[in-house]
C-alpha atoms as a PDB file:
ATOM      1  CA  MET A   1     -84.400 257.750 177.629  1.00  0.00           C
ATOM      2  CA  THR A   2     -87.566 259.467 176.449  1.00  0.00           C
ATOM      3  CA  TYR A   3     -88.079 260.019 172.726  1.00  0.00           C
ATOM      4  CA  ILE A   4     -90.535 262.612 171.454  1.00  0.00           C
ATOM      5  CA  ALA A   5     -92.328 261.552 168.298  1.00  0.00           C
ATOM      6  CA  LYS A   6     -93.068 264.111 165.610  1.00  0.00           C
ATOM      7  CA  PRO A   7     -96.665 264.537 164.394  1.00  0.00           C
ATOM      8  CA  LYS A   8     -97.437 262.259 161.452  1.00  0.00           C
ATOM      9  CA  LEU A   9     -99.841 264.702 159.812  1.00  0.00           C
ATOM     10  CA  HIS A  10     -98.449 266.391 156.708  1.00  0.00           C
ATOM     11  CA  HIS A  11     -99.573 269.573 155.041  1.00  0.00           C
ATOM     12  CA  PRO A  12    -101.155 268.513 151.728  1.00  0.00           C
ATOM     13  CA  SER A  13     -98.937 270.881 149.728  1.00  0.00           C
ATOM     14  CA  LEU A  14     -95.611 269.468 150.954  1.00  0.00           C
ATOM     15  CA  GLN A  15     -93.246 268.608 148.089  1.00  0.00           C
ATOM     16  CA  THR A  16     -92.967 264.917 147.284  1.00  0.00           C
ATOM     17  CA  ASN A  17     -90.244 262.990 145.476  1.00  0.00           C
ATOM     18  CA  LYS A  18     -90.732 260.544 142.596  1.00  0.00           C
ATOM     19  CA  ILE A  19     -92.033 257.763 144.842  1.00  0.00           C
ATOM     20  CA  GLY A  20     -94.513 260.002 146.682  1.00  0.00           C
ATOM     21  CA  TYR A  21     -92.628 260.609 149.932  1.00  0.00           C
ATOM     22  CA  THR A  22     -92.244 264.012 151.556  1.00  0.00           C
ATOM     23  CA  ARG A  23     -89.073 265.065 153.327  1.00  0.00           C
ATOM     24  CA  ARG A  24     -90.931 264.562 156.613  1.00  0.00           C
ATOM     25  CA  ASP A  25     -91.258 260.860 155.795  1.00  0.00           C
ATOM     26  CA  TYR A  26     -87.464 260.555 156.146  1.00  0.00           C
ATOM     27  CA  GLU A  27     -87.299 262.189 159.554  1.00  0.00           C
ATOM     28  CA  GLY A  28     -87.304 260.457 162.947  1.00  0.00           C
ATOM     29  CA  SER A  29     -87.988 261.495 166.533  1.00  0.00           C
ATOM     30  CA  VAL A  30     -87.336 264.973 167.911  1.00  0.00           C
ATOM     31  CA  SER A  31     -83.615 265.333 168.690  1.00  0.00           C
ATOM     32  CA  THR A  32     -82.491 265.395 172.317  1.00  0.00           C
ATOM     33  CA  LEU A  33     -78.947 266.476 171.414  1.00  0.00           C
ATOM     34  CA  CYS A  34     -77.684 269.903 172.491  1.00  0.00           C
ATOM     35  CA  ALA A  35     -79.027 272.839 170.496  1.00  0.00           C
ATOM     36  CA  GLY A  36     -76.555 273.627 167.729  1.00  0.00           C
ATOM     37  CA  CYS A  37     -74.934 270.174 167.749  1.00  0.00           C
ATOM     38  CA  GLY A  38     -73.298 269.403 164.415  1.00  0.00           C
ATOM     39  CA  HIS A  39     -74.730 265.882 164.557  1.00  0.00           C
ATOM     40  CA  ASP A  40     -78.236 267.256 163.925  1.00  0.00           C
ATOM     41  CA  SER A  41     -76.967 268.944 160.755  1.00  0.00           C
ATOM     42  CA  ILE A  42     -75.578 265.596 159.564  1.00  0.00           C
ATOM     43  CA  SER A  43     -78.917 263.927 160.299  1.00  0.00           C
ATOM     44  CA  ALA A  44     -80.651 266.614 158.240  1.00  0.00           C
ATOM     45  CA  ALA A  45     -78.200 266.009 155.388  1.00  0.00           C
ATOM     46  CA  ILE A  46     -78.941 262.256 155.478  1.00  0.00           C
ATOM     47  CA  VAL A  47     -82.677 263.015 155.371  1.00  0.00           C
ATOM     48  CA  GLN A  48     -82.234 265.278 152.344  1.00  0.00           C
ATOM     49  CA  ALA A  49     -79.963 262.800 150.543  1.00  0.00           C
ATOM     50  CA  CYS A  50     -82.447 259.940 150.950  1.00  0.00           C
ATOM     51  CA  PHE A  51     -85.299 262.196 149.808  1.00  0.00           C
ATOM     52  CA  ASN A  52     -83.310 263.244 146.735  1.00  0.00           C
ATOM     53  CA  LEU A  53     -82.441 259.629 145.864  1.00  0.00           C
ATOM     54  CA  ASN A  54     -86.086 258.466 146.152  1.00  0.00           C
ATOM     55  CA  ILE A  55     -85.082 255.763 148.648  1.00  0.00           C
ATOM     56  CA  GLU A  56     -87.871 253.833 150.322  1.00  0.00           C
ATOM     57  CA  PRO A  57     -87.174 254.162 154.080  1.00  0.00           C
ATOM     58  CA  HIS A  58     -88.033 250.530 154.804  1.00  0.00           C
ATOM     59  CA  LYS A  59     -85.214 249.436 152.477  1.00  0.00           C
ATOM     60  CA  VAL A  60     -82.584 251.068 154.711  1.00  0.00           C
ATOM     61  CA  ALA A  61     -80.916 249.429 157.708  1.00  0.00           C
ATOM     62  CA  LYS A  62     -79.206 251.943 159.992  1.00  0.00           C
ATOM     63  CA  LEU A  63     -76.792 250.677 162.636  1.00  0.00           C
ATOM     64  CA  SER A  64     -74.824 252.508 165.311  1.00  0.00           C
ATOM     65  CA  GLY A  65     -72.669 251.976 168.394  1.00  0.00           C
ATOM     66  CA  ILE A  66     -72.529 254.088 171.546  1.00  0.00           C
ATOM     67  CA  GLY A  67     -72.151 257.846 171.941  1.00  0.00           C
ATOM     68  CA  CYS A  68     -73.864 261.092 170.933  1.00  0.00           C
ATOM     69  CA  SER A  69     -73.362 260.154 167.287  1.00  0.00           C
ATOM     70  CA  SER A  70     -74.917 256.751 167.823  1.00  0.00           C
ATOM     71  CA  LYS A  71     -78.065 258.371 169.216  1.00  0.00           C
ATOM     72  CA  ALA A  72     -78.462 260.301 165.974  1.00  0.00           C
ATOM     73  CA  PRO A  73     -80.122 257.498 163.918  1.00  0.00           C
ATOM     74  CA  THR A  74     -83.166 257.941 166.153  1.00  0.00           C
ATOM     75  CA  TYR A  75     -83.586 261.357 164.577  1.00  0.00           C
ATOM     76  CA  PHE A  76     -83.727 260.306 160.919  1.00  0.00           C
ATOM     77  CA  LEU A  77     -85.382 257.564 158.830  1.00  0.00           C
ATOM     78  CA  GLY A  78     -87.954 256.623 161.446  1.00  0.00           C
ATOM     79  CA  GLY A  79     -89.476 254.115 159.038  1.00  0.00           C
ATOM     80  CA  SER A  80     -86.264 252.172 158.443  1.00  0.00           C
ATOM     81  CA  HIS A  81     -84.741 249.164 160.173  1.00  0.00           C
ATOM     82  CA  GLY A  82     -82.461 250.085 163.074  1.00  0.00           C
ATOM     83  CA  PHE A  83     -80.055 248.412 165.471  1.00  0.00           C
ATOM     84  CA  ASN A  84     -78.048 250.101 168.231  1.00  0.00           C
ATOM     85  CA  THR A  85     -75.069 247.857 168.992  1.00  0.00           C
ATOM     86  CA  VAL A  86     -72.567 247.969 171.847  1.00  0.00           C
ATOM     87  CA  HIS A  87     -69.572 250.331 171.935  1.00  0.00           C
ATOM     88  CA  GLY A  88     -67.343 249.943 168.879  1.00  0.00           C
ATOM     89  CA  ARG A  89     -69.122 246.879 167.507  1.00  0.00           C
ATOM     90  CA  MET A  90     -71.337 248.402 164.831  1.00  0.00           C
ATOM     91  CA  PRO A  91     -69.190 247.243 161.840  1.00  0.00           C
ATOM     92  CA  SER A  92     -69.325 243.524 162.698  1.00  0.00           C
ATOM     93  CA  VAL A  93     -73.079 243.559 163.307  1.00  0.00           C
ATOM     94  CA  LEU A  94     -73.595 245.439 160.048  1.00  0.00           C
ATOM     95  CA  THR A  95     -71.330 242.979 158.203  1.00  0.00           C
ATOM     96  CA  GLY A  96     -73.436 240.066 159.417  1.00  0.00           C
ATOM     97  CA  ALA A  97     -76.669 241.782 158.439  1.00  0.00           C
ATOM     98  CA  ALA A  98     -75.299 242.695 154.998  1.00  0.00           C
ATOM     99  CA  LEU A  99     -74.232 239.095 154.370  1.00  0.00           C
ATOM    100  CA  ALA A 100     -77.657 237.780 155.357  1.00  0.00           C
ATOM    101  CA  ASN A 101     -79.685 240.284 153.319  1.00  0.00           C
ATOM    102  CA  ARG A 102     -77.955 242.030 150.442  1.00  0.00           C
ATOM    103  CA  ASP A 103     -81.194 243.713 149.316  1.00  0.00           C
ATOM    104  CA  LEU A 104     -81.079 246.417 151.998  1.00  0.00           C
ATOM    105  CA  ILE A 105     -79.110 249.677 151.935  1.00  0.00           C
ATOM    106  CA  TYR A 106     -76.738 249.708 154.902  1.00  0.00           C
ATOM    107  CA  LEU A 107     -75.927 252.917 156.745  1.00  0.00           C
ATOM    108  CA  GLY A 108     -73.475 252.731 159.645  1.00  0.00           C
ATOM    109  CA  VAL A 109     -73.319 255.755 161.947  1.00  0.00           C
ATOM    110  CA  SER A 110     -70.510 256.079 164.459  1.00  0.00           C
ATOM    111  CA  GLY A 111     -68.414 258.584 166.360  1.00  0.00           C
ATOM    112  CA  ASP A 112     -64.725 259.269 166.822  1.00  0.00           C
ATOM    113  CA  GLY A 113     -64.675 257.510 170.188  1.00  0.00           C
ATOM    114  CA  ASP A 114     -66.746 254.629 168.851  1.00  0.00           C
ATOM    115  CA  SER A 115     -64.628 254.070 165.705  1.00  0.00           C
ATOM    116  CA  ALA A 116     -61.148 255.445 166.479  1.00  0.00           C
ATOM    117  CA  SER A 117     -60.734 253.956 169.965  1.00  0.00           C
ATOM    118  CA  ILE A 118     -62.578 250.835 171.120  1.00  0.00           C
ATOM    119  CA  GLY A 119     -63.891 250.068 167.612  1.00  0.00           C
ATOM    120  CA  ILE A 120     -60.805 250.797 165.522  1.00  0.00           C
ATOM    121  CA  GLY A 121     -60.179 247.114 164.770  1.00  0.00           C
ATOM    122  CA  GLN A 122     -63.718 246.606 163.524  1.00  0.00           C
ATOM    123  CA  PHE A 123     -63.511 249.810 161.480  1.00  0.00           C
ATOM    124  CA  ALA A 124     -60.335 248.505 159.808  1.00  0.00           C
ATOM    125  CA  HIS A 125     -61.810 245.130 158.860  1.00  0.00           C
ATOM    126  CA  SER A 126     -65.036 246.569 157.440  1.00  0.00           C
ATOM    127  CA  MET A 127     -62.959 248.835 155.191  1.00  0.00           C
ATOM    128  CA  ARG A 128     -60.526 246.176 153.950  1.00  0.00           C
ATOM    129  CA  ARG A 129     -63.285 243.618 153.312  1.00  0.00           C
ATOM    130  CA  GLY A 130     -65.290 246.006 151.150  1.00  0.00           C
ATOM    131  CA  VAL A 131     -68.560 245.675 153.048  1.00  0.00           C
ATOM    132  CA  ASN A 132     -71.254 247.369 150.961  1.00  0.00           C
ATOM    133  CA  MET A 133     -72.114 250.169 153.348  1.00  0.00           C
ATOM    134  CA  THR A 134     -72.075 253.907 153.897  1.00  0.00           C
ATOM    135  CA  TYR A 135     -69.997 254.450 157.043  1.00  0.00           C
ATOM    136  CA  ILE A 136     -70.411 257.947 158.507  1.00  0.00           C
ATOM    137  CA  VAL A 137     -68.321 259.113 161.464  1.00  0.00           C
ATOM    138  CA  MET A 138     -69.615 262.176 163.304  1.00  0.00           C
ATOM    139  CA  ASN A 139     -66.242 263.441 164.463  1.00  0.00           C
ATOM    140  CA  ASN A 140     -66.116 266.017 167.281  1.00  0.00           C
ATOM    141  CA  GLY A 141     -62.831 265.040 168.932  1.00  0.00           C
ATOM    142  CA  VAL A 142     -64.331 264.498 172.391  1.00  0.00           C
ATOM    143  CA  TYR A 143     -66.381 262.078 174.455  1.00  0.00           C
ATOM    144  CA  GLY A 144     -69.494 264.230 174.675  1.00  0.00           C
ATOM    145  CA  LEU A 145     -71.509 261.835 176.860  1.00  0.00           C
ATOM    146  CA  THR A 146     -68.795 261.630 179.529  1.00  0.00           C
ATOM    147  CA  LYS A 147     -67.966 265.338 179.985  1.00  0.00           C
ATOM    148  CA  GLY A 148     -65.618 266.133 177.129  1.00  0.00           C
ATOM    149  CA  GLN A 149     -62.418 264.107 177.456  1.00  0.00           C
ATOM    150  CA  PHE A 150     -60.212 264.059 174.348  1.00  0.00           C
ATOM    151  CA  SER A 151     -60.963 261.282 171.883  1.00  0.00           C
ATOM    152  CA  ALA A 152     -58.411 259.535 169.673  1.00  0.00           C
ATOM    153  CA  THR A 153     -59.070 261.982 166.813  1.00  0.00           C
ATOM    154  CA  ALA A 154     -58.257 265.099 168.852  1.00  0.00           C
ATOM    155  CA  ASP A 155     -55.359 266.952 167.245  1.00  0.00           C
ATOM    156  CA  PHE A 156     -52.009 267.293 168.965  1.00  0.00           C
ATOM    157  CA  GLY A 157     -51.928 270.670 170.741  1.00  0.00           C
ATOM    158  CA  SER A 158     -55.701 271.128 170.729  1.00  0.00           C
ATOM    159  CA  LYS A 159     -57.053 272.649 173.961  1.00  0.00           C
ATOM    160  CA  SER A 160     -59.976 271.319 175.940  1.00  0.00           C
ATOM    161  CA  LYS A 161     -62.659 273.590 177.378  1.00  0.00           C
ATOM    162  CA  LYS A 162     -60.789 273.481 180.715  1.00  0.00           C
ATOM    163  CA  GLY A 163     -57.532 274.539 179.052  1.00  0.00           C
ATOM    164  CA  VAL A 164     -55.836 271.130 179.025  1.00  0.00           C
ATOM    165  CA  VAL A 165     -53.592 270.590 175.974  1.00  0.00           C
ATOM    166  CA  ASN A 166     -53.750 267.271 174.104  1.00  0.00           C
ATOM    167  CA  THR A 167     -50.290 265.662 173.934  1.00  0.00           C
ATOM    168  CA  ASP A 168     -51.245 262.579 171.888  1.00  0.00           C
ATOM    169  CA  SER A 169     -51.010 262.197 168.119  1.00  0.00           C
ATOM    170  CA  PRO A 170     -54.414 261.921 166.438  1.00  0.00           C
ATOM    171  CA  VAL A 171     -55.878 258.972 164.566  1.00  0.00           C
ATOM    172  CA  ASP A 172     -56.840 260.097 161.061  1.00  0.00           C
ATOM    173  CA  LEU A 173     -59.694 257.808 160.005  1.00  0.00           C
ATOM    174  CA  VAL A 174     -59.646 259.158 156.440  1.00  0.00           C
ATOM    175  CA  ALA A 175     -55.969 258.246 156.042  1.00  0.00           C
ATOM    176  CA  LEU A 176     -56.695 254.797 157.497  1.00  0.00           C
ATOM    177  CA  ALA A 177     -59.653 254.236 155.167  1.00  0.00           C
ATOM    178  CA  LEU A 178     -57.483 255.117 152.162  1.00  0.00           C
ATOM    179  CA  GLN A 179     -54.682 252.797 153.271  1.00  0.00           C
ATOM    180  CA  LEU A 180     -57.045 249.933 154.134  1.00  0.00           C
ATOM    181  CA  GLY A 181     -58.710 249.861 150.721  1.00  0.00           C
ATOM    182  CA  ALA A 182     -62.010 251.737 151.099  1.00  0.00           C
ATOM    183  CA  THR A 183     -63.286 252.536 147.609  1.00  0.00           C
ATOM    184  CA  TYR A 184     -65.139 255.782 148.390  1.00  0.00           C
ATOM    185  CA  VAL A 185     -63.445 258.121 150.855  1.00  0.00           C
ATOM    186  CA  ALA A 186     -64.541 261.638 151.747  1.00  0.00           C
ATOM    187  CA  ARG A 187     -64.330 264.230 154.483  1.00  0.00           C
ATOM    188  CA  SER A 188     -66.791 267.015 155.094  1.00  0.00           C
ATOM    189  CA  PHE A 189     -68.005 269.516 157.676  1.00  0.00           C
ATOM    190  CA  SER A 190     -71.411 269.505 159.344  1.00  0.00           C
ATOM    191  CA  GLY A 191     -71.700 273.218 158.596  1.00  0.00           C
ATOM    192  CA  ASP A 192     -71.365 272.709 154.826  1.00  0.00           C
ATOM    193  CA  LYS A 193     -74.532 271.028 153.562  1.00  0.00           C
ATOM    194  CA  ALA A 194     -73.828 272.038 149.969  1.00  0.00           C
ATOM    195  CA  GLN A 195     -70.830 269.697 150.087  1.00  0.00           C
ATOM    196  CA  LEU A 196     -72.132 267.075 152.524  1.00  0.00           C
ATOM    197  CA  ILE A 197     -75.479 266.157 150.927  1.00  0.00           C
ATOM    198  CA  PRO A 198     -74.112 265.096 147.504  1.00  0.00           C
ATOM    199  CA  LEU A 199     -71.221 263.282 149.244  1.00  0.00           C
ATOM    200  CA  ILE A 200     -73.791 261.188 151.134  1.00  0.00           C
ATOM    201  CA  GLU A 201     -75.785 260.613 147.943  1.00  0.00           C
ATOM    202  CA  GLY A 202     -72.682 259.346 146.165  1.00  0.00           C
ATOM    203  CA  ALA A 203     -71.797 257.071 149.071  1.00  0.00           C
ATOM    204  CA  LEU A 204     -75.285 255.541 149.220  1.00  0.00           C
ATOM    205  CA  ALA A 205     -75.082 254.741 145.490  1.00  0.00           C
ATOM    206  CA  HIS A 206     -71.564 253.298 145.752  1.00  0.00           C
ATOM    207  CA  GLN A 207     -71.029 249.527 145.536  1.00  0.00           C
ATOM    208  CA  GLY A 208     -68.458 248.828 148.240  1.00  0.00           C
ATOM    209  CA  ALA A 209     -67.016 250.361 151.398  1.00  0.00           C
ATOM    210  CA  ALA A 210     -67.885 254.068 151.409  1.00  0.00           C
ATOM    211  CA  PHE A 211     -66.485 256.139 154.269  1.00  0.00           C
ATOM    212  CA  ILE A 212     -67.276 259.756 155.173  1.00  0.00           C
ATOM    213  CA  ASP A 213     -65.573 261.506 158.086  1.00  0.00           C
ATOM    214  CA  VAL A 214     -67.672 264.534 159.064  1.00  0.00           C
ATOM    215  CA  ILE A 215     -66.164 267.085 161.432  1.00  0.00           C
ATOM    216  CA  SER A 216     -69.052 267.911 163.740  1.00  0.00           C
ATOM    217  CA  PRO A 217     -68.305 270.468 166.482  1.00  0.00           C
ATOM    218  CA  CYS A 218     -69.508 269.677 170.004  1.00  0.00           C
ATOM    219  CA  VAL A 219     -71.113 272.938 171.115  1.00  0.00           C
ATOM    220  CA  THR A 220     -70.905 271.952 174.787  1.00  0.00           C
ATOM    221  CA  PHE A 221     -67.331 270.707 175.152  1.00  0.00           C
ATOM    222  CA  ASN A 222     -65.371 271.467 171.978  1.00  0.00           C
ATOM    223  CA  ASN A 223     -66.414 274.753 170.359  1.00  0.00           C
ATOM    224  CA  HIS A 224     -64.041 277.212 171.987  1.00  0.00           C
ATOM    225  CA  ALA A 225     -60.834 279.056 171.126  1.00  0.00           C
ATOM    226  CA  GLY A 226     -57.967 276.569 170.992  1.00  0.00           C
ATOM    227  CA  SER A 227     -60.092 273.657 169.793  1.00  0.00           C
ATOM    228  CA  THR A 228     -59.313 272.335 166.309  1.00  0.00           C
ATOM    229  CA  LYS A 229     -62.820 270.856 166.001  1.00  0.00           C
ATOM    230  CA  SER A 230     -64.724 274.117 166.581  1.00  0.00           C
ATOM    231  CA  TYR A 231     -66.936 275.812 164.003  1.00  0.00           C
ATOM    232  CA  ASP A 232     -64.604 278.798 163.656  1.00  0.00           C
ATOM    233  CA  TYR A 233     -61.428 276.707 163.335  1.00  0.00           C
ATOM    234  CA  VAL A 234     -62.840 274.398 160.661  1.00  0.00           C
ATOM    235  CA  ARG A 235     -64.237 277.292 158.624  1.00  0.00           C
ATOM    236  CA  GLU A 236     -60.878 279.083 158.755  1.00  0.00           C
ATOM    237  CA  HIS A 237     -58.776 276.001 157.890  1.00  0.00           C
ATOM    238  CA  ASN A 238     -61.027 274.164 155.430  1.00  0.00           C
ATOM    239  CA  GLU A 239     -59.162 273.179 152.240  1.00  0.00           C
ATOM    240  CA  ALA A 240     -61.733 271.769 149.801  1.00  0.00           C
ATOM    241  CA  VAL A 241     -60.297 269.707 146.935  1.00  0.00           C
ATOM    242  CA  ASN A 242     -63.559 269.686 144.978  1.00  0.00           C
ATOM    243  CA  ARG A 243     -67.258 270.377 145.006  1.00  0.00           C
ATOM    244  CA  ILE A 244     -69.553 267.591 143.949  1.00  0.00           C
ATOM    245  CA  ASP A 245     -72.753 267.257 141.949  1.00  0.00           C
ATOM    246  CA  PHE A 246     -74.590 263.943 142.024  1.00  0.00           C
ATOM    247  CA  PHE A 247     -76.791 262.776 139.161  1.00  0.00           C
ATOM    248  CA  THR A 248     -79.065 259.764 139.115  1.00  0.00           C
ATOM    249  CA  PRO A 249     -80.070 258.287 135.736  1.00  0.00           C
ATOM    250  CA  GLY A 250     -83.308 260.237 136.128  1.00  0.00           C
ATOM    251  CA  LYS A 251     -83.693 263.665 137.688  1.00  0.00           C
ATOM    252  CA  GLU A 252     -80.675 265.949 137.725  1.00  0.00           C
ATOM    253  CA  ILE A 253     -79.603 267.496 141.032  1.00  0.00           C
ATOM    254  CA  THR A 254     -77.862 270.809 140.518  1.00  0.00           C
ATOM    255  CA  ALA A 255     -76.029 273.311 142.672  1.00  0.00           C
ATOM    256  CA  ASP A 256     -73.703 276.279 142.257  1.00  0.00           C
ATOM    257  CA  TYR A 257     -70.041 275.404 142.615  1.00  0.00           C
ATOM    258  CA  ALA A 258     -66.751 277.186 142.206  1.00  0.00           C
ATOM    259  CA  PRO A 259     -65.342 277.261 138.672  1.00  0.00           C
ATOM    260  CA  GLY A 260     -62.569 274.937 137.552  1.00  0.00           C
ATOM    261  CA  THR A 261     -62.013 271.815 135.542  1.00  0.00           C
ATOM    262  CA  MET A 262     -64.441 268.926 135.866  1.00  0.00           C
ATOM    263  CA  GLN A 263     -64.053 265.203 136.416  1.00  0.00           C
ATOM    264  CA  GLU A 264     -66.974 262.822 135.896  1.00  0.00           C
ATOM    265  CA  VAL A 265     -67.128 259.406 137.545  1.00  0.00           C
ATOM    266  CA  THR A 266     -69.859 256.950 136.540  1.00  0.00           C
ATOM    267  CA  GLN A 267     -70.724 254.430 139.252  1.00  0.00           C
ATOM    268  CA  HIS A 268     -72.017 250.876 138.883  1.00  0.00           C
ATOM    269  CA  ASP A 269     -75.707 251.860 139.022  1.00  0.00           C
ATOM    270  CA  GLY A 270     -75.375 254.508 136.326  1.00  0.00           C
ATOM    271  CA  SER A 271     -75.255 257.447 138.724  1.00  0.00           C
ATOM    272  CA  VAL A 272     -72.679 260.107 137.981  1.00  0.00           C
ATOM    273  CA  LEU A 273     -70.379 261.972 140.341  1.00  0.00           C
ATOM    274  CA  ARG A 274     -69.438 265.285 138.747  1.00  0.00           C
ATOM    275  CA  LEU A 275     -66.466 266.829 140.534  1.00  0.00           C
ATOM    276  CA  ARG A 276     -65.861 270.539 140.148  1.00  0.00           C
ATOM    277  CA  LYS A 277     -62.160 270.794 140.903  1.00  0.00           C
ATOM    278  CA  LEU A 278     -60.941 273.596 143.110  1.00  0.00           C
ATOM    279  CA  HIS A 279     -57.464 272.134 142.607  1.00  0.00           C
ATOM    280  CA  GLU A 280     -57.223 271.651 138.848  1.00  0.00           C
ATOM    281  CA  ASP A 281     -54.582 268.932 139.177  1.00  0.00           C
ATOM    282  CA  TYR A 282     -56.472 266.894 141.798  1.00  0.00           C
ATOM    283  CA  ASP A 283     -57.437 263.399 140.625  1.00  0.00           C
ATOM    284  CA  ALA A 284     -59.993 261.641 142.834  1.00  0.00           C
ATOM    285  CA  SER A 285     -59.209 258.291 141.198  1.00  0.00           C
ATOM    286  CA  ASP A 286     -55.588 258.226 142.471  1.00  0.00           C
ATOM    287  CA  ARG A 287     -55.412 256.642 145.934  1.00  0.00           C
ATOM    288  CA  VAL A 288     -51.711 257.398 146.518  1.00  0.00           C
ATOM    289  CA  ALA A 289     -52.094 261.012 145.413  1.00  0.00           C
ATOM    290  CA  ALA A 290     -55.028 261.394 147.813  1.00  0.00           C
ATOM    291  CA  MET A 291     -52.916 260.126 150.711  1.00  0.00           C
ATOM    292  CA  ASN A 292     -50.064 262.469 149.803  1.00  0.00           C
ATOM    293  CA  HIS A 293     -52.412 265.444 149.426  1.00  0.00           C
ATOM    294  CA  LEU A 294     -53.949 264.685 152.826  1.00  0.00           C
ATOM    295  CA  GLN A 295     -50.573 264.550 154.588  1.00  0.00           C
ATOM    296  CA  LYS A 296     -49.232 267.638 152.814  1.00  0.00           C
ATOM    297  CA  HIS A 297     -52.110 269.844 153.916  1.00  0.00           C
ATOM    298  CA  HIS A 298     -52.232 268.317 157.398  1.00  0.00           C
ATOM    299  CA  ALA A 299     -48.641 269.522 157.859  1.00  0.00           C
ATOM    300  CA  MET A 300     -49.858 272.994 156.840  1.00  0.00           C
ATOM    301  CA  GLY A 301     -52.593 272.909 159.479  1.00  0.00           C
ATOM    302  CA  GLU A 302     -55.366 272.593 156.902  1.00  0.00           C
ATOM    303  CA  ILE A 303     -58.365 270.249 156.925  1.00  0.00           C
ATOM    304  CA  VAL A 304     -58.865 268.678 153.509  1.00  0.00           C
ATOM    305  CA  THR A 305     -62.528 268.145 152.599  1.00  0.00           C
ATOM    306  CA  GLY A 306     -64.390 266.836 149.579  1.00  0.00           C
ATOM    307  CA  LEU A 307     -64.405 263.521 147.726  1.00  0.00           C
ATOM    308  CA  LEU A 308     -60.806 262.389 148.174  1.00  0.00           C
ATOM    309  CA  PHE A 309     -60.937 259.032 146.400  1.00  0.00           C
ATOM    310  CA  VAL A 310     -63.426 256.915 144.490  1.00  0.00           C
ATOM    311  CA  ASP A 311     -63.107 253.650 142.592  1.00  0.00           C
ATOM    312  CA  PRO A 312     -66.124 253.374 140.265  1.00  0.00           C
ATOM    313  CA  LYS A 313     -65.335 249.727 139.514  1.00  0.00           C
ATOM    314  CA  ALA A 314     -65.274 248.630 143.140  1.00  0.00           C
ATOM    315  CA  CYS A 315     -66.575 245.227 144.231  1.00  0.00           C
ATOM    316  CA  ASP A 316     -68.217 244.481 147.552  1.00  0.00           C
ATOM    317  CA  LEU A 317     -67.917 241.598 150.014  1.00  0.00           C
ATOM    318  CA  HIS A 318     -70.568 239.497 148.251  1.00  0.00           C
ATOM    319  CA  VAL A 319     -68.567 239.581 145.024  1.00  0.00           C
ATOM    320  CA  HIS A 320     -65.357 238.675 146.876  1.00  0.00           C
ATOM    321  CA  MET A 321     -67.084 235.715 148.561  1.00  0.00           C
ATOM    322  CA  ASN A 322     -68.988 234.662 145.430  1.00  0.00           C
ATOM    323  CA  THR A 323     -72.304 234.430 147.252  1.00  0.00           C
ATOM    324  CA  VAL A 324     -75.588 233.802 145.468  1.00  0.00           C
ATOM    325  CA  ASP A 325     -77.547 236.720 144.035  1.00  0.00           C
ATOM    326  CA  VAL A 326     -80.534 236.343 146.349  1.00  0.00           C
ATOM    327  CA  PRO A 327     -80.403 237.254 150.062  1.00  0.00           C
ATOM    328  CA  LEU A 328     -79.028 234.368 152.126  1.00  0.00           C
ATOM    329  CA  ASN A 329     -81.897 234.714 154.596  1.00  0.00           C
ATOM    330  CA  THR A 330     -84.356 233.715 151.844  1.00  0.00           C
ATOM    331  CA  LEU A 331     -82.692 230.362 151.058  1.00  0.00           C
ATOM    332  CA  ASP A 332     -84.720 227.300 152.028  1.00  0.00           C
ATOM    333  CA  GLU A 333     -83.481 224.092 153.653  1.00  0.00           C
ATOM    334  CA  ARG A 334     -82.954 222.359 150.319  1.00  0.00           C
ATOM    335  CA  ALA A 335     -80.579 225.107 149.148  1.00  0.00           C
ATOM    336  CA  LEU A 336     -78.732 225.251 152.474  1.00  0.00           C
ATOM    337  CA  CYS A 337     -78.443 221.465 152.859  1.00  0.00           C
ATOM    338  CA  PRO A 338     -77.949 220.064 149.312  1.00  0.00           C
ATOM    339  CA  GLY A 339     -77.064 216.563 150.498  1.00  0.00           C
ATOM    340  CA  SER A 340     -74.085 214.268 151.040  1.00  0.00           C
ATOM    341  CA  ALA A 341     -73.019 214.209 147.372  1.00  0.00           C
ATOM    342  CA  ALA A 342     -72.578 217.997 147.336  1.00  0.00           C
ATOM    343  CA  LEU A 343     -70.708 217.840 150.639  1.00  0.00           C
ATOM    344  CA  GLU A 344     -68.370 215.177 149.252  1.00  0.00           C
ATOM    345  CA  THR A 345     -67.642 217.363 146.206  1.00  0.00           C
ATOM    346  CA  ILE A 346     -66.744 220.271 148.517  1.00  0.00           C
ATOM    347  CA  ASN A 347     -64.527 218.085 150.685  1.00  0.00           C
ATOM    348  CA  ALA A 348     -62.777 216.666 147.626  1.00  0.00           C
ATOM    349  CA  SER A 349     -61.969 220.160 146.374  1.00  0.00           C
ATOM    350  CA  LEU A 350     -60.218 220.920 149.646  1.00  0.00           C
ATOM    351  CA  ARG A 351     -57.979 217.855 149.667  1.00  0.00           C
END
């Protein structure tokens, strides 16, 4: 596959963030996805979120599997670390990388075929183990690289471009993430950057397993009448539970949101999630209530979006395993092989 690099020259008047980077510094190669693909909108949202958070690109490791969605990391954060794994295996490779070097920010990008079919087991284990990652699924309900067959997230009764009706029940990755113990769970729409960008910012700042399911219409195979993953259908059936502002300890990021009550959630790094509630009784800290709300509106044919659940006191895999504070890949031979006396102490504790 041929990738087209963007010019590296910047106009001298381009806006920079606090660490001197322009938005262009967070971009990647020119996209080869179909014009109008929702995945490109998600890539643009990731670029904006990283720019807003003043993240150094080389401190990000982006990993993906196979599919249109897994091509997307080529189109953002060109200066970051990247690894394209095999189909459905992104979570295990990311877990290994995160255990070896805890100093990087881990961003896993996947698709509905990659995560809800062949990779569903790996998705489940990364959520329940609390791997410190932002896991984004670009969900279009089809296999876009193999001519538009239904994926496991396609809704029952949804019609394909050829008029075939899906007779299988869908896999709801948001419901699974909630049940499996993910500590930051959200759903959004690629056509709603005002909601998506701060959701990504909050996930990147979260300490633990952060999952965002983004409905991303496939303009080639799944953007027609009868599809439940089309632009028109999602806009007409979107049921937002909240709008979100994200604040770092420094610069405030503001936006205009619908009126209502407000819930503030302070995360481990001091950043603040400010939730403008569209449903005044919605509590994003109640996991069971989030699951019930999701199922209730699914039965009504509505797509619930927004920050559905967050645990600000979450712990990640390193805390659970009681690893050392420094990256494991920086430990020398003396630390890794402390001698026979240390080994005997370990063996004695296991007897």
